[in-house]
Amino acid sequence: MKKNTMKKLFIFIYGILILTGNITPDAHADADINLSRGQTVYVSVYSHIYSGLKGRPFDLAATLSIRNTDLKNPISIVSVNFYDTDGKLLKEYIKEPLQLKALASTRYVIREAEIGGGSGANFIVQWKSEKQVNPPIIEAIMIGTRSGQGISFVSRGQVVKEHTE
């Protein structure tokens, strides 16, 4: 097919998608946003993963990132608790609620040498707000290097409980 014919076909299909509502030229994401007053969020964390033929542990550092995505309102981080593979509480990171201003972020770091969490470690994060707000992005970023090789990946938090008050 000629280049000009392909271009016309693309424009025609794009126009049909816009007319049928499958694509909008200027997206309105706020129609799909579920606001919240608070949540409990589970975040997978890997202190190590297994690699190679012998399945040797590859130690990783992890950073828990909590990002307030609301454009106008603060949120309060109520608790940040770190658990090992067996579900045993290893560390409570905050004793009193921490307020995150609109669009602010905070982080909690697990050093590569801290291997106690294991491959099934996790964070449980609780947050709340006085108003209905955009839920924060809560994720863990794991990174490790060894012998000139590096690995990194992200684990997004999963809401396990919605708070109504």
N, C-alpha and C. Protein backbone atom coordinates (compact mmCIF):
# COMPACT_ATOMS: atom_id res chain seq x y z
N MET A 1 0.84 -1.17 0.00
CA MET A 1 0.00 0.00 0.00
C MET A 1 0.89 1.24 0.00
N LYS A 2 0.44 2.26 -0.72
CA LYS A 2 1.19 3.49 -0.77
C LYS A 2 1.14 4.20 0.57
N LYS A 3 2.15 5.02 0.80
CA LYS A 3 2.26 5.76 2.06
C LYS A 3 1.06 6.68 2.28
N ASN A 4 0.61 7.36 1.25
CA ASN A 4 -0.51 8.29 1.35
C ASN A 4 -1.81 7.56 1.69
N THR A 5 -2.01 6.38 1.10
CA THR A 5 -3.20 5.58 1.37
C THR A 5 -3.20 5.09 2.81
N MET A 6 -2.05 4.68 3.31
CA MET A 6 -1.93 4.24 4.71
C MET A 6 -2.27 5.38 5.65
N LYS A 7 -1.79 6.56 5.34
CA LYS A 7 -2.06 7.73 6.18
C LYS A 7 -3.55 8.03 6.23
N LYS A 8 -4.22 7.99 5.08
CA LYS A 8 -5.66 8.23 5.03
C LYS A 8 -6.42 7.16 5.80
N LEU A 9 -6.01 5.91 5.69
CA LEU A 9 -6.65 4.82 6.41
C LEU A 9 -6.50 5.02 7.93
N PHE A 10 -5.32 5.40 8.36
CA PHE A 10 -5.09 5.65 9.78
C PHE A 10 -5.99 6.78 10.28
N ILE A 11 -6.06 7.87 9.54
CA ILE A 11 -6.91 9.01 9.94
C ILE A 11 -8.37 8.58 9.98
N PHE A 12 -8.82 7.79 9.02
CA PHE A 12 -10.20 7.31 8.99
C PHE A 12 -10.50 6.45 10.23
N ILE A 13 -9.62 5.49 10.55
CA ILE A 13 -9.83 4.60 11.71
C ILE A 13 -9.79 5.41 13.00
N TYR A 14 -8.88 6.34 13.11
CA TYR A 14 -8.78 7.19 14.30
C TYR A 14 -10.07 8.00 14.47
N GLY A 15 -10.60 8.52 13.37
CA GLY A 15 -11.85 9.28 13.41
C GLY A 15 -13.02 8.43 13.88
N ILE A 16 -13.09 7.19 13.40
CA ILE A 16 -14.15 6.26 13.83
C ILE A 16 -14.03 5.99 15.33
N LEU A 17 -12.83 5.76 15.81
CA LEU A 17 -12.62 5.50 17.24
C LEU A 17 -13.05 6.69 18.09
N ILE A 18 -12.77 7.89 17.63
CA ILE A 18 -13.20 9.09 18.36
C ILE A 18 -14.71 9.19 18.37
N LEU A 19 -15.34 8.98 17.20
CA LEU A 19 -16.80 9.09 17.10
C LEU A 19 -17.53 8.04 17.93
N THR A 20 -16.96 6.85 18.06
CA THR A 20 -17.61 5.80 18.84
C THR A 20 -17.29 5.89 20.32
N GLY A 21 -16.44 6.83 20.69
CA GLY A 21 -16.12 7.02 22.10
C GLY A 21 -15.02 6.12 22.62
N ASN A 22 -14.38 5.35 21.76
CA ASN A 22 -13.30 4.46 22.20
C ASN A 22 -12.00 5.22 22.46
N ILE A 23 -11.85 6.37 21.85
CA ILE A 23 -10.69 7.24 22.08
C ILE A 23 -11.21 8.66 22.14
N THR A 24 -10.68 9.43 23.05
CA THR A 24 -11.03 10.85 23.09
C THR A 24 -9.77 11.64 22.78
N PRO A 25 -9.89 12.70 21.97
CA PRO A 25 -8.70 13.45 21.60
C PRO A 25 -8.02 14.10 22.80
N ASP A 26 -8.80 14.54 23.78
CA ASP A 26 -8.19 15.06 25.00
C ASP A 26 -8.78 14.26 26.16
N ALA A 27 -7.95 13.39 26.71
CA ALA A 27 -8.40 12.44 27.73
C ALA A 27 -8.89 13.15 28.99
N HIS A 28 -9.91 12.61 29.61
CA HIS A 28 -10.45 13.12 30.86
C HIS A 28 -10.36 12.01 31.89
N ALA A 29 -9.18 11.85 32.48
CA ALA A 29 -8.93 10.75 33.41
C ALA A 29 -9.78 10.86 34.67
N ASP A 30 -10.18 12.08 35.04
CA ASP A 30 -10.90 12.23 36.30
C ASP A 30 -12.23 11.50 36.33
N ALA A 31 -12.77 11.11 35.20
CA ALA A 31 -14.03 10.36 35.18
C ALA A 31 -13.84 8.96 35.77
N ASP A 32 -12.62 8.42 35.71
CA ASP A 32 -12.36 7.07 36.18
C ASP A 32 -11.68 7.02 37.54
N ILE A 33 -11.44 8.16 38.15
CA ILE A 33 -10.71 8.19 39.41
C ILE A 33 -11.64 7.88 40.57
N ASN A 34 -11.21 6.95 41.40
CA ASN A 34 -11.94 6.64 42.63
C ASN A 34 -11.25 7.35 43.78
N LEU A 35 -11.94 8.31 44.36
CA LEU A 35 -11.38 9.05 45.48
C LEU A 35 -11.52 8.22 46.75
N SER A 36 -10.70 8.54 47.75
CA SER A 36 -10.70 7.78 48.99
C SER A 36 -10.39 8.68 50.17
N ARG A 37 -10.80 8.22 51.36
CA ARG A 37 -10.44 8.91 52.61
C ARG A 37 -9.37 8.14 53.37
N GLY A 38 -8.97 6.99 52.85
CA GLY A 38 -7.91 6.21 53.49
C GLY A 38 -7.93 4.76 53.05
N GLN A 39 -6.77 4.13 53.16
CA GLN A 39 -6.62 2.74 52.72
C GLN A 39 -5.52 2.05 53.52
N THR A 40 -5.58 0.73 53.50
CA THR A 40 -4.47 -0.12 53.92
C THR A 40 -3.93 -0.74 52.64
N VAL A 41 -2.61 -0.61 52.43
CA VAL A 41 -1.99 -1.04 51.17
C VAL A 41 -0.88 -2.04 51.46
N TYR A 42 -0.90 -3.17 50.74
CA TYR A 42 0.13 -4.21 50.81
C TYR A 42 1.11 -3.97 49.67
N VAL A 43 2.42 -3.99 49.99
CA VAL A 43 3.44 -3.79 48.96
C VAL A 43 4.48 -4.91 49.07
N SER A 44 4.62 -5.69 48.02
CA SER A 44 5.64 -6.75 47.98
C SER A 44 7.03 -6.13 47.95
N VAL A 45 7.93 -6.71 48.74
CA VAL A 45 9.32 -6.26 48.78
C VAL A 45 10.21 -7.50 48.72
N TYR A 46 11.27 -7.42 47.96
CA TYR A 46 12.18 -8.54 47.82
C TYR A 46 13.54 -8.15 48.36
N SER A 47 13.93 -8.70 49.53
CA SER A 47 15.27 -8.47 50.07
C SER A 47 16.30 -9.20 49.22
N HIS A 48 15.86 -10.27 48.57
CA HIS A 48 16.68 -10.97 47.60
C HIS A 48 15.77 -11.77 46.67
N ILE A 49 16.33 -12.10 45.51
CA ILE A 49 15.68 -13.01 44.57
C ILE A 49 16.70 -14.10 44.28
N TYR A 50 16.25 -15.15 43.65
CA TYR A 50 17.14 -16.28 43.37
C TYR A 50 17.54 -16.27 41.91
N SER A 51 18.84 -16.57 41.64
CA SER A 51 19.32 -16.54 40.27
C SER A 51 20.30 -17.67 40.02
N GLY A 52 20.53 -17.92 38.75
CA GLY A 52 21.50 -18.93 38.34
C GLY A 52 20.96 -20.33 38.45
N LEU A 53 21.75 -21.27 37.99
CA LEU A 53 21.36 -22.68 37.99
C LEU A 53 21.19 -23.23 39.40
N LYS A 54 21.97 -22.72 40.34
CA LYS A 54 21.90 -23.21 41.70
C LYS A 54 20.90 -22.42 42.57
N GLY A 55 20.27 -21.43 41.98
CA GLY A 55 19.28 -20.65 42.73
C GLY A 55 19.86 -19.91 43.90
N ARG A 56 21.02 -19.29 43.69
CA ARG A 56 21.65 -18.54 44.77
C ARG A 56 20.93 -17.21 44.99
N PRO A 57 20.88 -16.76 46.25
CA PRO A 57 20.24 -15.46 46.53
C PRO A 57 21.03 -14.30 45.92
N PHE A 58 20.32 -13.38 45.34
CA PHE A 58 20.87 -12.15 44.79
C PHE A 58 20.29 -11.02 45.65
N ASP A 59 21.12 -10.45 46.54
CA ASP A 59 20.65 -9.45 47.50
C ASP A 59 20.25 -8.15 46.81
N LEU A 60 19.19 -7.55 47.33
CA LEU A 60 18.66 -6.31 46.76
C LEU A 60 18.44 -5.26 47.83
N ALA A 61 18.63 -4.00 47.47
CA ALA A 61 18.19 -2.89 48.30
C ALA A 61 16.78 -2.55 47.84
N ALA A 62 15.97 -2.03 48.75
CA ALA A 62 14.59 -1.68 48.40
C ALA A 62 14.26 -0.30 48.94
N THR A 63 13.51 0.44 48.17
CA THR A 63 13.01 1.74 48.60
C THR A 63 11.50 1.72 48.49
N LEU A 64 10.83 1.95 49.62
CA LEU A 64 9.38 2.12 49.60
C LEU A 64 9.11 3.59 49.33
N SER A 65 8.36 3.88 48.29
CA SER A 65 8.03 5.26 47.92
C SER A 65 6.54 5.49 48.10
N ILE A 66 6.19 6.56 48.82
CA ILE A 66 4.79 6.94 49.01
C ILE A 66 4.65 8.34 48.44
N ARG A 67 3.79 8.49 47.42
CA ARG A 67 3.64 9.75 46.70
C ARG A 67 2.19 10.23 46.76
N ASN A 68 1.99 11.37 47.38
CA ASN A 68 0.65 11.96 47.43
C ASN A 68 0.32 12.52 46.05
N THR A 69 -0.65 11.93 45.38
CA THR A 69 -1.00 12.35 44.02
C THR A 69 -2.10 13.40 44.00
N ASP A 70 -2.62 13.78 45.16
CA ASP A 70 -3.68 14.78 45.17
C ASP A 70 -3.10 16.17 44.90
N LEU A 71 -3.75 16.92 44.04
CA LEU A 71 -3.25 18.23 43.63
C LEU A 71 -3.42 19.31 44.68
N LYS A 72 -4.36 19.12 45.62
CA LYS A 72 -4.67 20.20 46.56
C LYS A 72 -4.59 19.81 48.03
N ASN A 73 -4.80 18.54 48.36
CA ASN A 73 -4.99 18.15 49.76
C ASN A 73 -3.85 17.29 50.31
N PRO A 74 -3.56 17.46 51.60
CA PRO A 74 -2.57 16.59 52.25
C PRO A 74 -3.19 15.25 52.60
N ILE A 75 -2.34 14.27 52.86
CA ILE A 75 -2.76 12.99 53.42
C ILE A 75 -1.89 12.71 54.63
N SER A 76 -2.35 11.83 55.49
CA SER A 76 -1.57 11.42 56.66
C SER A 76 -1.17 9.96 56.50
N ILE A 77 0.11 9.69 56.63
CA ILE A 77 0.60 8.31 56.66
C ILE A 77 0.49 7.88 58.11
N VAL A 78 -0.37 6.90 58.39
CA VAL A 78 -0.66 6.47 59.75
C VAL A 78 0.35 5.43 60.23
N SER A 79 0.69 4.48 59.36
CA SER A 79 1.67 3.47 59.75
C SER A 79 2.38 2.92 58.52
N VAL A 80 3.64 2.54 58.73
CA VAL A 80 4.47 1.89 57.72
C VAL A 80 5.18 0.76 58.44
N ASN A 81 4.74 -0.47 58.21
CA ASN A 81 5.30 -1.64 58.91
C ASN A 81 5.90 -2.61 57.91
N PHE A 82 7.07 -3.14 58.28
CA PHE A 82 7.81 -4.06 57.42
C PHE A 82 7.75 -5.47 58.01
N TYR A 83 7.35 -6.45 57.20
CA TYR A 83 7.19 -7.84 57.62
C TYR A 83 8.11 -8.75 56.81
N ASP A 84 8.54 -9.86 57.42
CA ASP A 84 9.37 -10.82 56.71
C ASP A 84 8.52 -11.84 55.96
N THR A 85 9.17 -12.80 55.33
CA THR A 85 8.51 -13.82 54.54
C THR A 85 7.48 -14.61 55.34
N ASP A 86 7.71 -14.79 56.64
CA ASP A 86 6.80 -15.54 57.49
C ASP A 86 5.70 -14.68 58.10
N GLY A 87 5.65 -13.39 57.75
CA GLY A 87 4.63 -12.50 58.29
C GLY A 87 4.97 -11.91 59.64
N LYS A 88 6.21 -12.06 60.07
CA LYS A 88 6.66 -11.52 61.36
C LYS A 88 7.02 -10.04 61.18
N LEU A 89 6.50 -9.20 62.07
CA LEU A 89 6.81 -7.77 62.03
C LEU A 89 8.29 -7.56 62.34
N LEU A 90 9.01 -6.94 61.42
CA LEU A 90 10.43 -6.65 61.62
C LEU A 90 10.69 -5.22 62.08
N LYS A 91 9.89 -4.28 61.58
CA LYS A 91 10.15 -2.89 61.93
C LYS A 91 8.91 -2.02 61.71
N GLU A 92 8.65 -1.14 62.68
CA GLU A 92 7.64 -0.09 62.54
C GLU A 92 8.40 1.18 62.20
N TYR A 93 8.14 1.74 61.03
CA TYR A 93 8.92 2.88 60.58
C TYR A 93 8.45 4.21 61.14
N ILE A 94 7.19 4.33 61.52
CA ILE A 94 6.75 5.60 62.11
C ILE A 94 5.93 5.33 63.37
N LYS A 95 6.09 6.21 64.34
CA LYS A 95 5.38 6.09 65.61
C LYS A 95 4.17 7.01 65.66
N GLU A 96 4.23 8.13 64.95
CA GLU A 96 3.15 9.10 64.89
C GLU A 96 2.83 9.37 63.43
N PRO A 97 1.57 9.72 63.12
CA PRO A 97 1.22 10.01 61.73
C PRO A 97 2.11 11.09 61.11
N LEU A 98 2.42 10.90 59.85
CA LEU A 98 3.25 11.81 59.08
C LEU A 98 2.38 12.46 58.01
N GLN A 99 2.33 13.78 57.98
CA GLN A 99 1.52 14.46 56.97
C GLN A 99 2.34 14.69 55.72
N LEU A 100 1.75 14.29 54.57
CA LEU A 100 2.35 14.56 53.26
C LEU A 100 1.51 15.64 52.59
N LYS A 101 2.12 16.77 52.28
CA LYS A 101 1.42 17.85 51.59
C LYS A 101 1.02 17.39 50.19
N ALA A 102 0.17 18.15 49.55
CA ALA A 102 -0.23 17.85 48.17
C ALA A 102 1.02 17.69 47.31
N LEU A 103 1.06 16.62 46.56
CA LEU A 103 2.14 16.28 45.63
C LEU A 103 3.49 15.99 46.29
N ALA A 104 3.51 15.85 47.61
CA ALA A 104 4.76 15.53 48.32
C ALA A 104 4.98 14.02 48.34
N SER A 105 6.20 13.63 48.64
CA SER A 105 6.58 12.21 48.70
C SER A 105 7.44 11.94 49.92
N THR A 106 7.48 10.67 50.30
CA THR A 106 8.41 10.22 51.33
C THR A 106 8.91 8.85 50.93
N ARG A 107 9.96 8.40 51.60
CA ARG A 107 10.55 7.10 51.25
C ARG A 107 11.11 6.43 52.49
N TYR A 108 11.21 5.11 52.41
CA TYR A 108 11.80 4.30 53.47
C TYR A 108 12.72 3.30 52.77
N VAL A 109 13.96 3.20 53.25
CA VAL A 109 14.97 2.40 52.56
C VAL A 109 15.36 1.18 53.37
N ILE A 110 15.46 0.05 52.68
CA ILE A 110 16.01 -1.17 53.25
C ILE A 110 17.32 -1.42 52.50
N ARG A 111 18.41 -1.38 53.24
CA ARG A 111 19.72 -1.55 52.62
C ARG A 111 19.91 -2.97 52.09
N GLU A 112 20.76 -3.11 51.11
CA GLU A 112 21.04 -4.40 50.50
C GLU A 112 21.54 -5.41 51.54
N ALA A 113 22.26 -4.95 52.55
CA ALA A 113 22.80 -5.83 53.58
C ALA A 113 21.72 -6.35 54.53
N GLU A 114 20.55 -5.71 54.57
CA GLU A 114 19.46 -6.14 55.45
C GLU A 114 18.66 -7.23 54.74
N ILE A 115 19.07 -8.47 54.94
CA ILE A 115 18.47 -9.58 54.20
C ILE A 115 17.39 -10.32 55.00
N GLY A 116 17.07 -9.85 56.19
CA GLY A 116 16.13 -10.54 57.07
C GLY A 116 14.72 -10.68 56.51
N GLY A 117 14.31 -9.79 55.63
CA GLY A 117 12.95 -9.84 55.09
C GLY A 117 12.71 -11.05 54.20
N GLY A 118 13.71 -11.39 53.42
CA GLY A 118 13.60 -12.53 52.53
C GLY A 118 12.88 -12.20 51.23
N SER A 119 12.63 -13.22 50.45
CA SER A 119 12.03 -13.03 49.13
C SER A 119 10.52 -12.78 49.20
N GLY A 120 9.92 -12.97 50.36
CA GLY A 120 8.48 -12.74 50.51
C GLY A 120 8.15 -11.61 51.46
N ALA A 121 9.09 -10.70 51.67
CA ALA A 121 8.87 -9.58 52.60
C ALA A 121 7.80 -8.64 52.04
N ASN A 122 7.25 -7.80 52.93
CA ASN A 122 6.25 -6.84 52.49
C ASN A 122 6.13 -5.68 53.46
N PHE A 123 5.58 -4.60 52.95
CA PHE A 123 5.18 -3.45 53.75
C PHE A 123 3.67 -3.42 53.82
N ILE A 124 3.16 -3.02 54.96
CA ILE A 124 1.74 -2.67 55.10
C ILE A 124 1.72 -1.19 55.44
N VAL A 125 1.09 -0.40 54.57
CA VAL A 125 1.03 1.05 54.73
C VAL A 125 -0.43 1.44 54.94
N GLN A 126 -0.67 2.25 55.96
CA GLN A 126 -2.00 2.80 56.19
C GLN A 126 -1.92 4.31 56.05
N TRP A 127 -2.88 4.86 55.32
CA TRP A 127 -2.95 6.31 55.16
C TRP A 127 -4.40 6.76 55.30
N LYS A 128 -4.58 8.06 55.60
CA LYS A 128 -5.94 8.61 55.71
C LYS A 128 -5.92 10.08 55.31
N SER A 129 -7.14 10.60 55.11
CA SER A 129 -7.29 12.01 54.76
C SER A 129 -8.61 12.53 55.33
N GLU A 130 -8.64 13.81 55.62
CA GLU A 130 -9.86 14.46 56.11
C GLU A 130 -10.92 14.53 55.02
N LYS A 131 -10.47 14.63 53.76
CA LYS A 131 -11.36 14.77 52.61
C LYS A 131 -11.17 13.59 51.67
N GLN A 132 -12.09 13.45 50.72
CA GLN A 132 -11.91 12.49 49.64
C GLN A 132 -10.77 13.01 48.76
N VAL A 133 -9.76 12.17 48.52
CA VAL A 133 -8.59 12.58 47.74
C VAL A 133 -8.21 11.50 46.74
N ASN A 134 -7.33 11.87 45.81
CA ASN A 134 -6.74 10.87 44.93
C ASN A 134 -5.85 9.98 45.78
N PRO A 135 -5.99 8.66 45.69
CA PRO A 135 -5.12 7.78 46.48
C PRO A 135 -3.65 7.96 46.09
N PRO A 136 -2.76 7.81 47.05
CA PRO A 136 -1.33 7.94 46.73
C PRO A 136 -0.83 6.76 45.91
N ILE A 137 0.28 6.97 45.26
CA ILE A 137 1.01 5.86 44.61
C ILE A 137 1.98 5.34 45.65
N ILE A 138 1.86 4.04 45.94
CA ILE A 138 2.74 3.41 46.91
C ILE A 138 3.40 2.23 46.21
N GLU A 139 4.72 2.26 46.12
CA GLU A 139 5.43 1.20 45.42
C GLU A 139 6.80 0.98 46.02
N ALA A 140 7.35 -0.18 45.75
CA ALA A 140 8.71 -0.52 46.18
C ALA A 140 9.58 -0.65 44.95
N ILE A 141 10.77 -0.08 45.04
CA ILE A 141 11.74 -0.15 43.96
C ILE A 141 12.91 -0.98 44.48
N MET A 142 13.19 -2.10 43.84
CA MET A 142 14.29 -2.96 44.25
C MET A 142 15.44 -2.82 43.25
N ILE A 143 16.67 -2.83 43.79
CA ILE A 143 17.84 -2.72 42.93
C ILE A 143 19.00 -3.48 43.56
N GLY A 144 19.79 -4.12 42.72
CA GLY A 144 20.97 -4.83 43.20
C GLY A 144 22.02 -4.92 42.10
N THR A 145 23.29 -4.95 42.51
CA THR A 145 24.38 -5.09 41.55
C THR A 145 25.38 -6.10 42.10
N ARG A 146 25.96 -6.86 41.17
CA ARG A 146 26.98 -7.84 41.55
C ARG A 146 27.76 -8.23 40.31
N SER A 147 29.07 -8.22 40.42
CA SER A 147 29.97 -8.64 39.33
C SER A 147 29.66 -7.93 38.01
N GLY A 148 29.42 -6.64 38.09
CA GLY A 148 29.16 -5.88 36.86
C GLY A 148 27.75 -6.05 36.32
N GLN A 149 26.94 -6.83 37.00
CA GLN A 149 25.55 -7.03 36.57
C GLN A 149 24.63 -6.27 37.50
N GLY A 150 23.51 -5.84 36.99
CA GLY A 150 22.55 -5.13 37.82
C GLY A 150 21.13 -5.57 37.49
N ILE A 151 20.28 -5.42 38.48
CA ILE A 151 18.87 -5.74 38.29
C ILE A 151 18.06 -4.71 39.06
N SER A 152 16.94 -4.31 38.48
CA SER A 152 16.04 -3.41 39.19
C SER A 152 14.62 -3.66 38.70
N PHE A 153 13.66 -3.48 39.59
CA PHE A 153 12.25 -3.63 39.23
C PHE A 153 11.39 -2.97 40.27
N VAL A 154 10.12 -2.78 39.93
CA VAL A 154 9.18 -2.07 40.79
C VAL A 154 8.03 -3.00 41.14
N SER A 155 7.54 -2.86 42.36
CA SER A 155 6.37 -3.60 42.83
C SER A 155 5.34 -2.58 43.30
N ARG A 156 4.20 -2.51 42.63
CA ARG A 156 3.15 -1.54 42.96
C ARG A 156 2.29 -2.06 44.09
N GLY A 157 1.91 -1.19 45.01
CA GLY A 157 1.07 -1.56 46.14
C GLY A 157 -0.31 -2.01 45.72
N GLN A 158 -0.90 -2.87 46.55
CA GLN A 158 -2.24 -3.40 46.32
C GLN A 158 -3.12 -3.03 47.51
N VAL A 159 -4.23 -2.34 47.25
CA VAL A 159 -5.15 -1.98 48.32
C VAL A 159 -5.79 -3.25 48.87
N VAL A 160 -5.70 -3.44 50.19
CA VAL A 160 -6.32 -4.60 50.83
C VAL A 160 -7.50 -4.21 51.69
N LYS A 161 -7.61 -2.90 51.97
CA LYS A 161 -8.76 -2.44 52.76
C LYS A 161 -9.00 -0.97 52.46
N GLU A 162 -10.25 -0.66 52.20
CA GLU A 162 -10.68 0.73 52.00
C GLU A 162 -11.25 1.24 53.30
N HIS A 163 -10.80 2.41 53.74
CA HIS A 163 -11.30 3.00 54.97
C HIS A 163 -12.38 4.01 54.65
N THR A 164 -13.49 3.94 55.34
CA THR A 164 -14.61 4.84 55.05
C THR A 164 -14.68 6.02 56.02
N GLU A 165 -13.94 5.97 57.09
CA GLU A 165 -13.96 7.07 58.07
C GLU A 165 -12.57 7.63 58.26
